[in-house]
């Protein structure tokens, strides 16, 4: 099965090990891709685990009427294996009630103790 993040790899070799806590994302972009996959497969516990404690909500309920279909990475700033912070701008496409739409966001990530976390995001016009 192709990975929902559209990296070109299979789910088993791409995002599945991250969602199963068998591996950690080496870059901010890989964490962004795995978080998109978690939305696509409905894995709220992974989304919470990969969210920085300073901004993480107490709980997270995913909207089951939304089907995430495609992720386009628009731009990355830093966020490499040796950086301590990074930004990933993306467009995520979804279907809701038979209507296709998308959202653009500029997400901030931090790397602490060799682990990337999502901090927050701002909409992009």
PDB file of N, CA and C in Angstrom:
ATOM      1  N   UNK A   1       0.838  -1.171   0.000  1.00  0.00           N
ATOM      2  CA  UNK A   1       0.000   0.000   0.000  1.00  0.00           C
ATOM      3  C   UNK A   1       0.892   1.246   0.000  1.00  0.00           C
ATOM      4  N   UNK A   2       0.593   2.192  -0.875  1.00  0.00           N
ATOM      5  CA  UNK A   2       1.343   3.437  -0.958  1.00  0.00           C
ATOM      6  C   UNK A   2       1.062   4.277   0.290  1.00  0.00           C
ATOM      7  N   UNK A   3       2.098   4.967   0.781  1.00  0.00           N
ATOM      8  CA  UNK A   3       1.936   5.774   1.989  1.00  0.00           C
ATOM      9  C   UNK A   3       1.036   6.975   1.695  1.00  0.00           C
ATOM     10  N   UNK A   4       0.102   7.288   2.600  1.00  0.00           N
ATOM     11  CA  UNK A   4      -0.774   8.440   2.403  1.00  0.00           C
ATOM     12  C   UNK A   4      -0.035   9.773   2.256  1.00  0.00           C
ATOM     13  N   UNK A   5       1.201   9.875   2.766  1.00  0.00           N
ATOM     14  CA  UNK A   5       1.930  11.147   2.686  1.00  0.00           C
ATOM     15  C   UNK A   5       2.475  11.410   1.282  1.00  0.00           C
ATOM     16  N   UNK A   6       2.319  10.422   0.387  1.00  0.00           N
ATOM     17  CA  UNK A   6       2.736  10.526  -1.016  1.00  0.00           C
ATOM     18  C   UNK A   6       4.240  10.713  -1.190  1.00  0.00           C
ATOM     19  N   UNK A   7       5.020  10.125  -0.289  1.00  0.00           N
ATOM     20  CA  UNK A   7       6.477  10.177  -0.412  1.00  0.00           C
ATOM     21  C   UNK A   7       6.971   9.323  -1.577  1.00  0.00           C
ATOM     22  N   UNK A   8       6.131   8.380  -2.017  1.00  0.00           N
ATOM     23  CA  UNK A   8       6.536   7.438  -3.044  1.00  0.00           C
ATOM     24  C   UNK A   8       6.897   6.085  -2.465  1.00  0.00           C
ATOM     25  N   UNK A   9       7.046   6.006  -1.145  1.00  0.00           N
ATOM     26  CA  UNK A   9       7.351   4.747  -0.473  1.00  0.00           C
ATOM     27  C   UNK A   9       6.061   4.054  -0.045  1.00  0.00           C
ATOM     28  N   UNK A  10       6.205   2.814   0.358  1.00  0.00           N
ATOM     29  CA  UNK A  10       5.048   2.102   0.893  1.00  0.00           C
ATOM     30  C   UNK A  10       4.796   2.570   2.319  1.00  0.00           C
ATOM     31  N   UNK A  11       3.586   2.411   2.773  1.00  0.00           N
ATOM     32  CA  UNK A  11       3.223   2.786   4.137  1.00  0.00           C
ATOM     33  C   UNK A  11       4.110   2.060   5.140  1.00  0.00           C
ATOM     34  N   UNK A  12       4.377   0.778   4.906  1.00  0.00           N
ATOM     35  CA  UNK A  12       5.159  -0.039   5.843  1.00  0.00           C
ATOM     36  C   UNK A  12       6.595   0.441   5.997  1.00  0.00           C
ATOM     37  N   UNK A  13       7.165   1.038   4.957  1.00  0.00           N
ATOM     38  CA  UNK A  13       8.548   1.510   5.042  1.00  0.00           C
ATOM     39  C   UNK A  13       8.649   3.014   5.266  1.00  0.00           C
ATOM     40  N   UNK A  14       7.540   3.707   5.217  1.00  0.00           N
ATOM     41  CA  UNK A  14       7.559   5.164   5.338  1.00  0.00           C
ATOM     42  C   UNK A  14       7.039   5.608   6.702  1.00  0.00           C
ATOM     43  N   UNK A  15       5.758   5.819   6.826  1.00  0.00           N
ATOM     44  CA  UNK A  15       5.186   6.395   8.048  1.00  0.00           C
ATOM     45  C   UNK A  15       4.773   5.371   9.102  1.00  0.00           C
ATOM     46  N   UNK A  16       4.527   4.138   8.714  1.00  0.00           N
ATOM     47  CA  UNK A  16       4.071   3.137   9.696  1.00  0.00           C
ATOM     48  C   UNK A  16       5.027   2.993  10.878  1.00  0.00           C
ATOM     49  N   UNK A  17       6.361   2.907  10.664  1.00  0.00           N
ATOM     50  CA  UNK A  17       7.258   2.793  11.825  1.00  0.00           C
ATOM     51  C   UNK A  17       7.195   4.005  12.757  1.00  0.00           C
ATOM     52  N   UNK A  18       6.941   5.183  12.221  1.00  0.00           N
ATOM     53  CA  UNK A  18       6.828   6.374  13.061  1.00  0.00           C
ATOM     54  C   UNK A  18       5.545   6.333  13.879  1.00  0.00           C
ATOM     55  N   UNK A  19       4.439   5.990  13.236  1.00  0.00           N
ATOM     56  CA  UNK A  19       3.161   5.919  13.942  1.00  0.00           C
ATOM     57  C   UNK A  19       3.180   4.850  15.021  1.00  0.00           C
ATOM     58  N   UNK A  20       3.930   3.771  14.781  1.00  0.00           N
ATOM     59  CA  UNK A  20       4.011   2.670  15.746  1.00  0.00           C
ATOM     60  C   UNK A  20       5.086   2.905  16.810  1.00  0.00           C
ATOM     61  N   UNK A  21       5.731   4.076  16.796  1.00  0.00           N
ATOM     62  CA  UNK A  21       6.796   4.430  17.745  1.00  0.00           C
ATOM     63  C   UNK A  21       7.988   3.485  17.650  1.00  0.00           C
ATOM     64  N   UNK A  22       8.221   2.935  16.470  1.00  0.00           N
ATOM     65  CA  UNK A  22       9.383   2.082  16.231  1.00  0.00           C
ATOM     66  C   UNK A  22      10.554   2.883  15.679  1.00  0.00           C
ATOM     67  N   UNK A  23      10.308   4.132  15.298  1.00  0.00           N
ATOM     68  CA  UNK A  23      11.332   5.017  14.754  1.00  0.00           C
ATOM     69  C   UNK A  23      10.921   6.453  15.043  1.00  0.00           C
ATOM     70  N   UNK A  24      11.869   7.377  14.889  1.00  0.00           N
ATOM     71  CA  UNK A  24      11.568   8.795  15.035  1.00  0.00           C
ATOM     72  C   UNK A  24      11.879   9.497  13.720  1.00  0.00           C
ATOM     73  N   UNK A  25      11.199  10.574  13.479  1.00  0.00           N
ATOM     74  CA  UNK A  25      11.402  11.338  12.247  1.00  0.00           C
ATOM     75  C   UNK A  25      12.762  12.030  12.276  1.00  0.00           C
ATOM     76  N   UNK A  26      13.574  11.859  11.219  1.00  0.00           N
ATOM     77  CA  UNK A  26      14.894  12.494  11.198  1.00  0.00           C
ATOM     78  C   UNK A  26      14.846  13.986  10.853  1.00  0.00           C
ATOM     79  N   UNK A  27      13.747  14.451  10.270  1.00  0.00           N
ATOM     80  CA  UNK A  27      13.631  15.848   9.866  1.00  0.00           C
ATOM     81  C   UNK A  27      12.225  16.357  10.179  1.00  0.00           C
ATOM     82  N   UNK A  28      12.095  17.677  10.154  1.00  0.00           N
ATOM     83  CA  UNK A  28      10.778  18.285  10.367  1.00  0.00           C
ATOM     84  C   UNK A  28       9.814  17.883   9.252  1.00  0.00           C
ATOM     85  N   UNK A  29      10.311  17.805   8.024  1.00  0.00           N
ATOM     86  CA  UNK A  29       9.431  17.403   6.918  1.00  0.00           C
ATOM     87  C   UNK A  29       8.915  15.987   7.104  1.00  0.00           C
ATOM     88  N   UNK A  30       9.772  15.082   7.547  1.00  0.00           N
ATOM     89  CA  UNK A  30       9.315  13.696   7.766  1.00  0.00           C
ATOM     90  C   UNK A  30       8.260  13.656   8.866  1.00  0.00           C
ATOM     91  N   UNK A  31       8.438  14.483   9.911  1.00  0.00           N
ATOM     92  CA  UNK A  31       7.414  14.526  10.952  1.00  0.00           C
ATOM     93  C   UNK A  31       6.115  15.079  10.378  1.00  0.00           C
ATOM     94  N   UNK A  32       6.209  16.117   9.555  1.00  0.00           N
ATOM     95  CA  UNK A  32       5.001  16.677   8.928  1.00  0.00           C
ATOM     96  C   UNK A  32       4.302  15.612   8.097  1.00  0.00           C
ATOM     97  N   UNK A  33       5.057  14.860   7.302  1.00  0.00           N
ATOM     98  CA  UNK A  33       4.471  13.795   6.478  1.00  0.00           C
ATOM     99  C   UNK A  33       3.797  12.733   7.351  1.00  0.00           C
ATOM    100  N   UNK A  34       4.448  12.367   8.451  1.00  0.00           N
ATOM    101  CA  UNK A  34       3.860  11.339   9.322  1.00  0.00           C
ATOM    102  C   UNK A  34       2.607  11.862  10.015  1.00  0.00           C
ATOM    103  N   UNK A  35       2.580  13.142  10.345  1.00  0.00           N
ATOM    104  CA  UNK A  35       1.382  13.709  10.965  1.00  0.00           C
ATOM    105  C   UNK A  35       0.224  13.756   9.963  1.00  0.00           C
ATOM    106  N   UNK A  36       0.521  14.081   8.705  1.00  0.00           N
ATOM    107  CA  UNK A  36      -0.528  14.027   7.682  1.00  0.00           C
ATOM    108  C   UNK A  36      -1.073  12.598   7.583  1.00  0.00           C
ATOM    109  N   UNK A  37      -0.168  11.630   7.557  1.00  0.00           N
ATOM    110  CA  UNK A  37      -0.586  10.230   7.489  1.00  0.00           C
ATOM    111  C   UNK A  37      -1.455   9.873   8.688  1.00  0.00           C
ATOM    112  N   UNK A  38      -1.083  10.365   9.867  1.00  0.00           N
ATOM    113  CA  UNK A  38      -1.888  10.084  11.064  1.00  0.00           C
ATOM    114  C   UNK A  38      -3.296  10.652  10.918  1.00  0.00           C
ATOM    115  N   UNK A  39      -3.419  11.846  10.346  1.00  0.00           N
ATOM    116  CA  UNK A  39      -4.755  12.379  10.068  1.00  0.00           C
ATOM    117  C   UNK A  39      -5.485  11.475   9.069  1.00  0.00           C
ATOM    118  N   UNK A  40      -4.783  11.030   8.038  1.00  0.00           N
ATOM    119  CA  UNK A  40      -5.398  10.209   6.987  1.00  0.00           C
ATOM    120  C   UNK A  40      -5.889   8.862   7.507  1.00  0.00           C
ATOM    121  N   UNK A  41      -5.161   8.276   8.461  1.00  0.00           N
ATOM    122  CA  UNK A  41      -5.562   6.959   8.977  1.00  0.00           C
ATOM    123  C   UNK A  41      -6.289   7.050  10.312  1.00  0.00           C
ATOM    124  N   UNK A  42      -6.470   8.267  10.837  1.00  0.00           N
ATOM    125  CA  UNK A  42      -7.222   8.448  12.079  1.00  0.00           C
ATOM    126  C   UNK A  42      -6.467   8.094  13.345  1.00  0.00           C
ATOM    127  N   UNK A  43      -5.162   8.363  13.383  1.00  0.00           N
ATOM    128  CA  UNK A  43      -4.332   8.015  14.539  1.00  0.00           C
ATOM    129  C   UNK A  43      -4.123   9.232  15.448  1.00  0.00           C
ATOM    130  N   UNK A  44      -5.137   9.572  16.230  1.00  0.00           N
ATOM    131  CA  UNK A  44      -5.058  10.712  17.145  1.00  0.00           C
ATOM    132  C   UNK A  44      -3.966  10.543  18.201  1.00  0.00           C
ATOM    133  N   UNK A  45      -3.745   9.335  18.759  1.00  0.00           N
ATOM    134  CA  UNK A  45      -2.673   9.196  19.752  1.00  0.00           C
ATOM    135  C   UNK A  45      -1.297   9.599  19.197  1.00  0.00           C
ATOM    136  N   UNK A  46      -1.005   9.266  17.927  1.00  0.00           N
ATOM    137  CA  UNK A  46       0.274   9.681  17.350  1.00  0.00           C
ATOM    138  C   UNK A  46       0.343  11.203  17.220  1.00  0.00           C
ATOM    139  N   UNK A  47      -0.748  11.801  16.791  1.00  0.00           N
ATOM    140  CA  UNK A  47      -0.755  13.256  16.658  1.00  0.00           C
ATOM    141  C   UNK A  47      -0.449  13.912  18.001  1.00  0.00           C
ATOM    142  N   UNK A  48      -1.020  13.418  19.066  1.00  0.00           N
ATOM    143  CA  UNK A  48      -0.749  13.968  20.391  1.00  0.00           C
ATOM    144  C   UNK A  48       0.695  13.705  20.817  1.00  0.00           C
ATOM    145  N   UNK A  49       1.219  12.504  20.557  1.00  0.00           N
ATOM    146  CA  UNK A  49       2.606  12.174  20.923  1.00  0.00           C
ATOM    147  C   UNK A  49       3.614  13.048  20.187  1.00  0.00           C
ATOM    148  N   UNK A  50       3.294  13.407  18.951  1.00  0.00           N
ATOM    149  CA  UNK A  50       4.242  14.177  18.137  1.00  0.00           C
ATOM    150  C   UNK A  50       4.054  15.693  18.292  1.00  0.00           C
ATOM    151  N   UNK A  51       3.164  16.106  19.168  1.00  0.00           N
ATOM    152  CA  UNK A  51       2.871  17.514  19.425  1.00  0.00           C
ATOM    153  C   UNK A  51       3.720  17.974  20.612  1.00  0.00           C
ATOM    154  N   UNK A  52       4.348  19.124  20.518  1.00  0.00           N
ATOM    155  CA  UNK A  52       5.189  19.614  21.600  1.00  0.00           C
ATOM    156  C   UNK A  52       4.348  19.847  22.856  1.00  0.00           C
ATOM    157  N   UNK A  53       4.866  19.437  24.030  1.00  0.00           N
ATOM    158  CA  UNK A  53       4.088  19.575  25.270  1.00  0.00           C
ATOM    159  C   UNK A  53       3.626  21.007  25.570  1.00  0.00           C
ATOM    160  N   UNK A  54       4.364  21.999  25.107  1.00  0.00           N
ATOM    161  CA  UNK A  54       3.998  23.390  25.412  1.00  0.00           C
ATOM    162  C   UNK A  54       2.741  23.863  24.687  1.00  0.00           C
ATOM    163  N   UNK A  55       2.370  23.181  23.610  1.00  0.00           N
ATOM    164  CA  UNK A  55       1.187  23.586  22.836  1.00  0.00           C
ATOM    165  C   UNK A  55       0.192  22.449  22.619  1.00  0.00           C
ATOM    166  N   UNK A  56       0.501  21.282  23.119  1.00  0.00           N
ATOM    167  CA  UNK A  56      -0.342  20.098  22.912  1.00  0.00           C
ATOM    168  C   UNK A  56      -1.678  20.226  23.628  1.00  0.00           C
ATOM    169  N   UNK A  57      -2.777  19.947  22.915  1.00  0.00           N
ATOM    170  CA  UNK A  57      -4.084  19.948  23.588  1.00  0.00           C
ATOM    171  C   UNK A  57      -4.205  18.742  24.515  1.00  0.00           C
ATOM    172  N   UNK A  58      -5.117  18.832  25.443  1.00  0.00           N
ATOM    173  CA  UNK A  58      -5.324  17.725  26.386  1.00  0.00           C
ATOM    174  C   UNK A  58      -5.821  16.472  25.667  1.00  0.00           C
ATOM    175  N   UNK A  59      -6.717  16.667  24.710  1.00  0.00           N
ATOM    176  CA  UNK A  59      -7.211  15.546  23.916  1.00  0.00           C
ATOM    177  C   UNK A  59      -7.474  16.043  22.501  1.00  0.00           C
ATOM    178  N   UNK A  60      -7.720  15.110  21.609  1.00  0.00           N
ATOM    179  CA  UNK A  60      -7.900  15.441  20.203  1.00  0.00           C
ATOM    180  C   UNK A  60      -8.930  14.494  19.612  1.00  0.00           C
ATOM    181  N   UNK A  61      -9.975  15.063  19.068  1.00  0.00           N
ATOM    182  CA  UNK A  61     -11.004  14.265  18.413  1.00  0.00           C
ATOM    183  C   UNK A  61     -10.976  14.584  16.929  1.00  0.00           C
ATOM    184  N   UNK A  62     -10.716  13.570  16.112  1.00  0.00           N
ATOM    185  CA  UNK A  62     -10.627  13.768  14.672  1.00  0.00           C
ATOM    186  C   UNK A  62     -12.012  13.716  14.047  1.00  0.00           C
ATOM    187  N   UNK A  63     -12.223  14.537  13.047  1.00  0.00           N
ATOM    188  CA  UNK A  63     -13.493  14.585  12.323  1.00  0.00           C
ATOM    189  C   UNK A  63     -13.527  13.432  11.325  1.00  0.00           C
ATOM    190  N   UNK A  64     -14.371  12.453  11.571  1.00  0.00           N
ATOM    191  CA  UNK A  64     -14.431  11.268  10.713  1.00  0.00           C
ATOM    192  C   UNK A  64     -15.103  11.532   9.374  1.00  0.00           C
ATOM    193  N   UNK A  65     -15.713  12.709   9.208  1.00  0.00           N
ATOM    194  CA  UNK A  65     -16.323  13.064   7.927  1.00  0.00           C
ATOM    195  C   UNK A  65     -15.300  13.608   6.931  1.00  0.00           C
ATOM    196  N   UNK A  66     -14.105  13.913   7.415  1.00  0.00           N
ATOM    197  CA  UNK A  66     -13.048  14.435   6.541  1.00  0.00           C
ATOM    198  C   UNK A  66     -12.130  13.295   6.129  1.00  0.00           C
ATOM    199  N   UNK A  67     -11.879  13.202   4.825  1.00  0.00           N
ATOM    200  CA  UNK A  67     -10.963  12.192   4.279  1.00  0.00           C
ATOM    201  C   UNK A  67      -9.784  12.928   3.650  1.00  0.00           C
ATOM    202  N   UNK A  68      -8.601  12.802   4.261  1.00  0.00           N
ATOM    203  CA  UNK A  68      -7.393  13.464   3.776  1.00  0.00           C
ATOM    204  C   UNK A  68      -6.847  12.688   2.593  1.00  0.00           C
ATOM    205  N   UNK A  69      -6.593  13.380   1.475  1.00  0.00           N
ATOM    206  CA  UNK A  69      -6.265  12.683   0.228  1.00  0.00           C
ATOM    207  C   UNK A  69      -4.886  12.973  -0.356  1.00  0.00           C
ATOM    208  N   UNK A  70      -4.319  14.137  -0.058  1.00  0.00           N
ATOM    209  CA  UNK A  70      -3.029  14.467  -0.683  1.00  0.00           C
ATOM    210  C   UNK A  70      -2.297  15.524   0.130  1.00  0.00           C
ATOM    211  N   UNK A  71      -0.976  15.396   0.163  1.00  0.00           N
ATOM    212  CA  UNK A  71      -0.127  16.373   0.839  1.00  0.00           C
ATOM    213  C   UNK A  71       0.912  16.881  -0.145  1.00  0.00           C
ATOM    214  N   UNK A  72       0.983  18.196  -0.281  1.00  0.00           N
ATOM    215  CA  UNK A  72       2.034  18.830  -1.082  1.00  0.00           C
ATOM    216  C   UNK A  72       2.886  19.671  -0.144  1.00  0.00           C
ATOM    217  N   UNK A  73       4.181  19.367  -0.092  1.00  0.00           N
ATOM    218  CA  UNK A  73       5.111  20.195   0.663  1.00  0.00           C
ATOM    219  C   UNK A  73       5.477  21.376  -0.224  1.00  0.00           C
ATOM    220  N   UNK A  74       5.218  22.579   0.238  1.00  0.00           N
ATOM    221  CA  UNK A  74       5.450  23.786  -0.552  1.00  0.00           C
ATOM    222  C   UNK A  74       6.830  24.383  -0.316  1.00  0.00           C
ATOM    223  N   UNK A  75       7.299  24.318   0.935  1.00  0.00           N
ATOM    224  CA  UNK A  75       8.594  24.907   1.266  1.00  0.00           C
ATOM    225  C   UNK A  75       9.044  24.402   2.631  1.00  0.00           C
ATOM    226  N   UNK A  76      10.347  24.257   2.790  1.00  0.00           N
ATOM    227  CA  UNK A  76      10.909  23.932   4.099  1.00  0.00           C
ATOM    228  C   UNK A  76      12.008  24.952   4.414  1.00  0.00           C
ATOM    229  N   UNK A  77      12.123  25.280   5.688  1.00  0.00           N
ATOM    230  CA  UNK A  77      13.186  26.156   6.176  1.00  0.00           C
ATOM    231  C   UNK A  77      13.843  25.437   7.338  1.00  0.00           C
ATOM    232  N   UNK A  78      15.134  25.163   7.197  1.00  0.00           N
ATOM    233  CA  UNK A  78      15.874  24.407   8.209  1.00  0.00           C
ATOM    234  C   UNK A  78      15.137  23.067   8.442  1.00  0.00           C
ATOM    235  N   UNK A  79      15.122  22.599   9.676  1.00  0.00           N
ATOM    236  CA  UNK A  79      14.404  21.357   9.969  1.00  0.00           C
ATOM    237  C   UNK A  79      15.163  20.091   9.599  1.00  0.00           C
ATOM    238  N   UNK A  80      16.473  20.205   9.369  1.00  0.00           N
ATOM    239  CA  UNK A  80      17.272  19.033   9.020  1.00  0.00           C
ATOM    240  C   UNK A  80      17.680  18.230  10.240  1.00  0.00           C
ATOM    241  N   UNK A  81      18.411  17.143  10.026  1.00  0.00           N
ATOM    242  CA  UNK A  81      18.782  16.245  11.121  1.00  0.00           C
ATOM    243  C   UNK A  81      19.617  16.887  12.229  1.00  0.00           C
ATOM    244  N   UNK A  82      20.304  17.998  11.937  1.00  0.00           N
ATOM    245  CA  UNK A  82      21.148  18.638  12.940  1.00  0.00           C
ATOM    246  C   UNK A  82      20.623  20.001  13.384  1.00  0.00           C
ATOM    247  N   UNK A  83      19.452  20.395  12.888  1.00  0.00           N
ATOM    248  CA  UNK A  83      18.834  21.657  13.280  1.00  0.00           C
ATOM    249  C   UNK A  83      18.027  21.470  14.562  1.00  0.00           C
ATOM    250  N   UNK A  84      17.750  22.572  15.236  1.00  0.00           N
ATOM    251  CA  UNK A  84      16.917  22.518  16.441  1.00  0.00           C
ATOM    252  C   UNK A  84      15.520  23.077  16.198  1.00  0.00           C
ATOM    253  N   UNK A  85      15.308  23.648  15.019  1.00  0.00           N
ATOM    254  CA  UNK A  85      13.978  24.126  14.668  1.00  0.00           C
ATOM    255  C   UNK A  85      13.815  24.069  13.161  1.00  0.00           C
ATOM    256  N   UNK A  86      12.575  24.130  12.732  1.00  0.00           N
ATOM    257  CA  UNK A  86      12.305  24.101  11.308  1.00  0.00           C
ATOM    258  C   UNK A  86      10.879  24.535  11.018  1.00  0.00           C
ATOM    259  N   UNK A  87      10.668  24.896   9.776  1.00  0.00           N
ATOM    260  CA  UNK A  87       9.347  25.303   9.317  1.00  0.00           C
ATOM    261  C   UNK A  87       9.027  24.513   8.059  1.00  0.00           C
ATOM    262  N   UNK A  88       7.802  24.018   7.989  1.00  0.00           N
ATOM    263  CA  UNK A  88       7.331  23.304   6.805  1.00  0.00           C
ATOM    264  C   UNK A  88       6.011  23.950   6.378  1.00  0.00           C
ATOM    265  N   UNK A  89       5.994  24.446   5.155  1.00  0.00           N
ATOM    266  CA  UNK A  89       4.756  24.974   4.577  1.00  0.00           C
ATOM    267  C   UNK A  89       4.191  23.907   3.661  1.00  0.00           C
ATOM    268  N   UNK A  90       2.885  23.694   3.757  1.00  0.00           N
ATOM    269  CA  UNK A  90       2.270  22.607   2.995  1.00  0.00           C
ATOM    270  C   UNK A  90       0.848  22.965   2.598  1.00  0.00           C
ATOM    271  N   UNK A  91       0.346  22.187   1.646  1.00  0.00           N
ATOM    272  CA  UNK A  91      -1.070  22.226   1.306  1.00  0.00           C
ATOM    273  C   UNK A  91      -1.591  20.807   1.454  1.00  0.00           C
ATOM    274  N   UNK A  92      -2.629  20.651   2.232  1.00  0.00           N
ATOM    275  CA  UNK A  92      -3.249  19.345   2.460  1.00  0.00           C
ATOM    276  C   UNK A  92      -4.640  19.352   1.832  1.00  0.00           C
ATOM    277  N   UNK A  93      -4.897  18.340   1.028  1.00  0.00           N
ATOM    278  CA  UNK A  93      -6.173  18.227   0.320  1.00  0.00           C
ATOM    279  C   UNK A  93      -7.051  17.210   1.033  1.00  0.00           C
ATOM    280  N   UNK A  94      -8.355  17.483   1.029  1.00  0.00           N
ATOM    281  CA  UNK A  94      -9.286  16.599   1.711  1.00  0.00           C
ATOM    282  C   UNK A  94     -10.644  16.626   1.025  1.00  0.00           C
ATOM    283  N   UNK A  95     -11.456  15.638   1.376  1.00  0.00           N
ATOM    284  CA  UNK A  95     -12.846  15.571   0.934  1.00  0.00           C
ATOM    285  C   UNK A  95     -13.728  15.582   2.170  1.00  0.00           C
ATOM    286  N   UNK A  96     -14.792  16.381   2.064  1.00  0.00           N
ATOM    287  CA  UNK A  96     -15.780  16.421   3.142  1.00  0.00           C
ATOM    288  C   UNK A  96     -17.147  16.559   2.509  1.00  0.00           C
ATOM    289  N   UNK A  97     -17.997  15.584   2.764  1.00  0.00           N
ATOM    290  CA  UNK A  97     -19.341  15.610   2.205  1.00  0.00           C
ATOM    291  C   UNK A  97     -19.357  15.659   0.688  1.00  0.00           C
ATOM    292  N   UNK A  98     -18.435  14.981   0.046  1.00  0.00           N
ATOM    293  CA  UNK A  98     -18.385  14.947  -1.406  1.00  0.00           C
ATOM    294  C   UNK A  98     -17.737  16.158  -2.047  1.00  0.00           C
ATOM    295  N   UNK A  99     -17.284  17.105  -1.233  1.00  0.00           N
ATOM    296  CA  UNK A  99     -16.645  18.318  -1.747  1.00  0.00           C
ATOM    297  C   UNK A  99     -15.147  18.241  -1.475  1.00  0.00           C
ATOM    298  N   UNK A 100     -14.357  18.507  -2.507  1.00  0.00           N
ATOM    299  CA  UNK A 100     -12.914  18.522  -2.332  1.00  0.00           C
ATOM    300  C   UNK A 100     -12.462  19.933  -1.987  1.00  0.00           C
ATOM    301  N   UNK A 101     -11.535  20.040  -1.041  1.00  0.00           N
ATOM    302  CA  UNK A 101     -11.003  21.326  -0.610  1.00  0.00           C
ATOM    303  C   UNK A 101      -9.555  21.138  -0.166  1.00  0.00           C
ATOM    304  N   UNK A 102      -8.921  22.213   0.230  1.00  0.00           N
ATOM    305  CA  UNK A 102      -7.553  22.119   0.740  1.00  0.00           C
ATOM    306  C   UNK A 102      -7.325  23.189   1.793  1.00  0.00           C
ATOM    307  N   UNK A 103      -6.266  22.985   2.544  1.00  0.00           N
ATOM    308  CA  UNK A 103      -5.828  23.974   3.525  1.00  0.00           C
ATOM    309  C   UNK A 103      -4.329  24.133   3.395  1.00  0.00           C
ATOM    310  N   UNK A 104      -3.851  25.358   3.554  1.00  0.00           N
ATOM    311  CA  UNK A 104      -2.420  25.628   3.535  1.00  0.00           C
ATOM    312  C   UNK A 104      -2.011  26.095   4.918  1.00  0.00           C
ATOM    313  N   UNK A 105      -0.851  25.604   5.356  1.00  0.00           N
ATOM    314  CA  UNK A 105      -0.369  25.969   6.679  1.00  0.00           C
ATOM    315  C   UNK A 105       1.145  26.086   6.664  1.00  0.00           C
ATOM    316  N   UNK A 106       1.647  26.948   7.507  1.00  0.00           N
ATOM    317  CA  UNK A 106       3.089  27.101   7.758  1.00  0.00           C
ATOM    318  C   UNK A 106       3.289  26.603   9.184  1.00  0.00           C
ATOM    319  N   UNK A 107       3.868  25.418   9.319  1.00  0.00           N
ATOM    320  CA  UNK A 107       3.994  24.762  10.618  1.00  0.00           C
ATOM    321  C   UNK A 107       5.395  24.919  11.190  1.00  0.00           C
ATOM    322  N   UNK A 108       5.447  25.141  12.510  1.00  0.00           N
ATOM    323  CA  UNK A 108       6.733  25.246  13.209  1.00  0.00           C
ATOM    324  C   UNK A 108       7.009  23.953  13.976  1.00  0.00           C
ATOM    325  N   UNK A 109       8.273  23.544  13.939  1.00  0.00           N
ATOM    326  CA  UNK A 109       8.728  22.330  14.602  1.00  0.00           C
ATOM    327  C   UNK A 109       9.980  22.631  15.417  1.00  0.00           C
ATOM    328  N   UNK A 110      10.172  21.890  16.491  1.00  0.00           N
ATOM    329  CA  UNK A 110      11.408  21.977  17.268  1.00  0.00           C
ATOM    330  C   UNK A 110      11.971  20.579  17.452  1.00  0.00           C
ATOM    331  N   UNK A 111      13.282  20.524  17.608  1.00  0.00           N
ATOM    332  CA  UNK A 111      13.967  19.253  17.849  1.00  0.00           C
ATOM    333  C   UNK A 111      14.645  19.337  19.210  1.00  0.00           C
ATOM    334  N   UNK A 112      14.198  18.473  20.117  1.00  0.00           N
ATOM    335  CA  UNK A 112      14.754  18.398  21.468  1.00  0.00           C
ATOM    336  C   UNK A 112      15.079  16.946  21.768  1.00  0.00           C
ATOM    337  N   UNK A 113      16.245  16.708  22.327  1.00  0.00           N
ATOM    338  CA  UNK A 113      16.679  15.336  22.644  1.00  0.00           C
ATOM    339  C   UNK A 113      16.547  14.419  21.432  1.00  0.00           C
ATOM    340  N   UNK A 114      16.949  14.933  20.283  1.00  0.00           N
ATOM    341  CA  UNK A 114      16.947  14.200  19.013  1.00  0.00           C
ATOM    342  C   UNK A 114      15.553  13.826  18.511  1.00  0.00           C
ATOM    343  N   UNK A 115      14.529  14.479  19.026  1.00  0.00           N
ATOM    344  CA  UNK A 115      13.170  14.167  18.594  1.00  0.00           C
ATOM    345  C   UNK A 115      12.459  15.438  18.125  1.00  0.00           C
ATOM    346  N   UNK A 116      11.881  15.363  16.924  1.00  0.00           N
ATOM    347  CA  UNK A 116      11.119  16.474  16.376  1.00  0.00           C
ATOM    348  C   UNK A 116       9.712  16.486  16.943  1.00  0.00           C
ATOM    349  N   UNK A 117       9.189  17.683  17.191  1.00  0.00           N
ATOM    350  CA  UNK A 117       7.810  17.865  17.653  1.00  0.00           C
ATOM    351  C   UNK A 117       7.171  19.004  16.875  1.00  0.00           C
ATOM    352  N   UNK A 118       5.881  18.864  16.626  1.00  0.00           N
ATOM    353  CA  UNK A 118       5.074  19.931  16.032  1.00  0.00           C
ATOM    354  C   UNK A 118       4.778  20.950  17.132  1.00  0.00           C
ATOM    355  N   UNK A 119       5.007  22.230  16.851  1.00  0.00           N
ATOM    356  CA  UNK A 119       4.714  23.284  17.831  1.00  0.00           C
ATOM    357  C   UNK A 119       3.378  23.929  17.525  1.00  0.00           C
ATOM    358  N   UNK A 120       3.262  24.534  16.336  1.00  0.00           N
ATOM    359  CA  UNK A 120       2.009  25.165  15.953  1.00  0.00           C
ATOM    360  C   UNK A 120       2.059  25.496  14.474  1.00  0.00           C
ATOM    361  N   UNK A 121       0.956  26.002  13.981  1.00  0.00           N
ATOM    362  CA  UNK A 121       0.879  26.351  12.569  1.00  0.00           C
ATOM    363  C   UNK A 121       0.008  27.577  12.360  1.00  0.00           C
ATOM    364  N   UNK A 122       0.278  28.260  11.264  1.00  0.00           N
ATOM    365  CA  UNK A 122      -0.511  29.427  10.892  1.00  0.00           C
ATOM    366  C   UNK A 122      -1.009  29.231   9.470  1.00  0.00           C
ATOM    367  N   UNK A 123      -2.260  29.614   9.216  1.00  0.00           N
ATOM    368  CA  UNK A 123      -2.785  29.491   7.849  1.00  0.00           C
ATOM    369  C   UNK A 123      -1.956  30.321   6.864  1.00  0.00           C
ATOM    370  N   UNK A 124      -1.866  29.817   5.646  1.00  0.00           N
ATOM    371  CA  UNK A 124      -1.172  30.508   4.555  1.00  0.00           C
ATOM    372  C   UNK A 124      -2.224  30.844   3.503  1.00  0.00           C
ATOM    373  N   UNK A 125      -2.208  32.066   3.033  1.00  0.00           N
ATOM    374  CA  UNK A 125      -3.152  32.494   1.993  1.00  0.00           C
ATOM    375  C   UNK A 125      -2.675  32.051   0.637  1.00  0.00           C
TER     376      UNK A 125
END
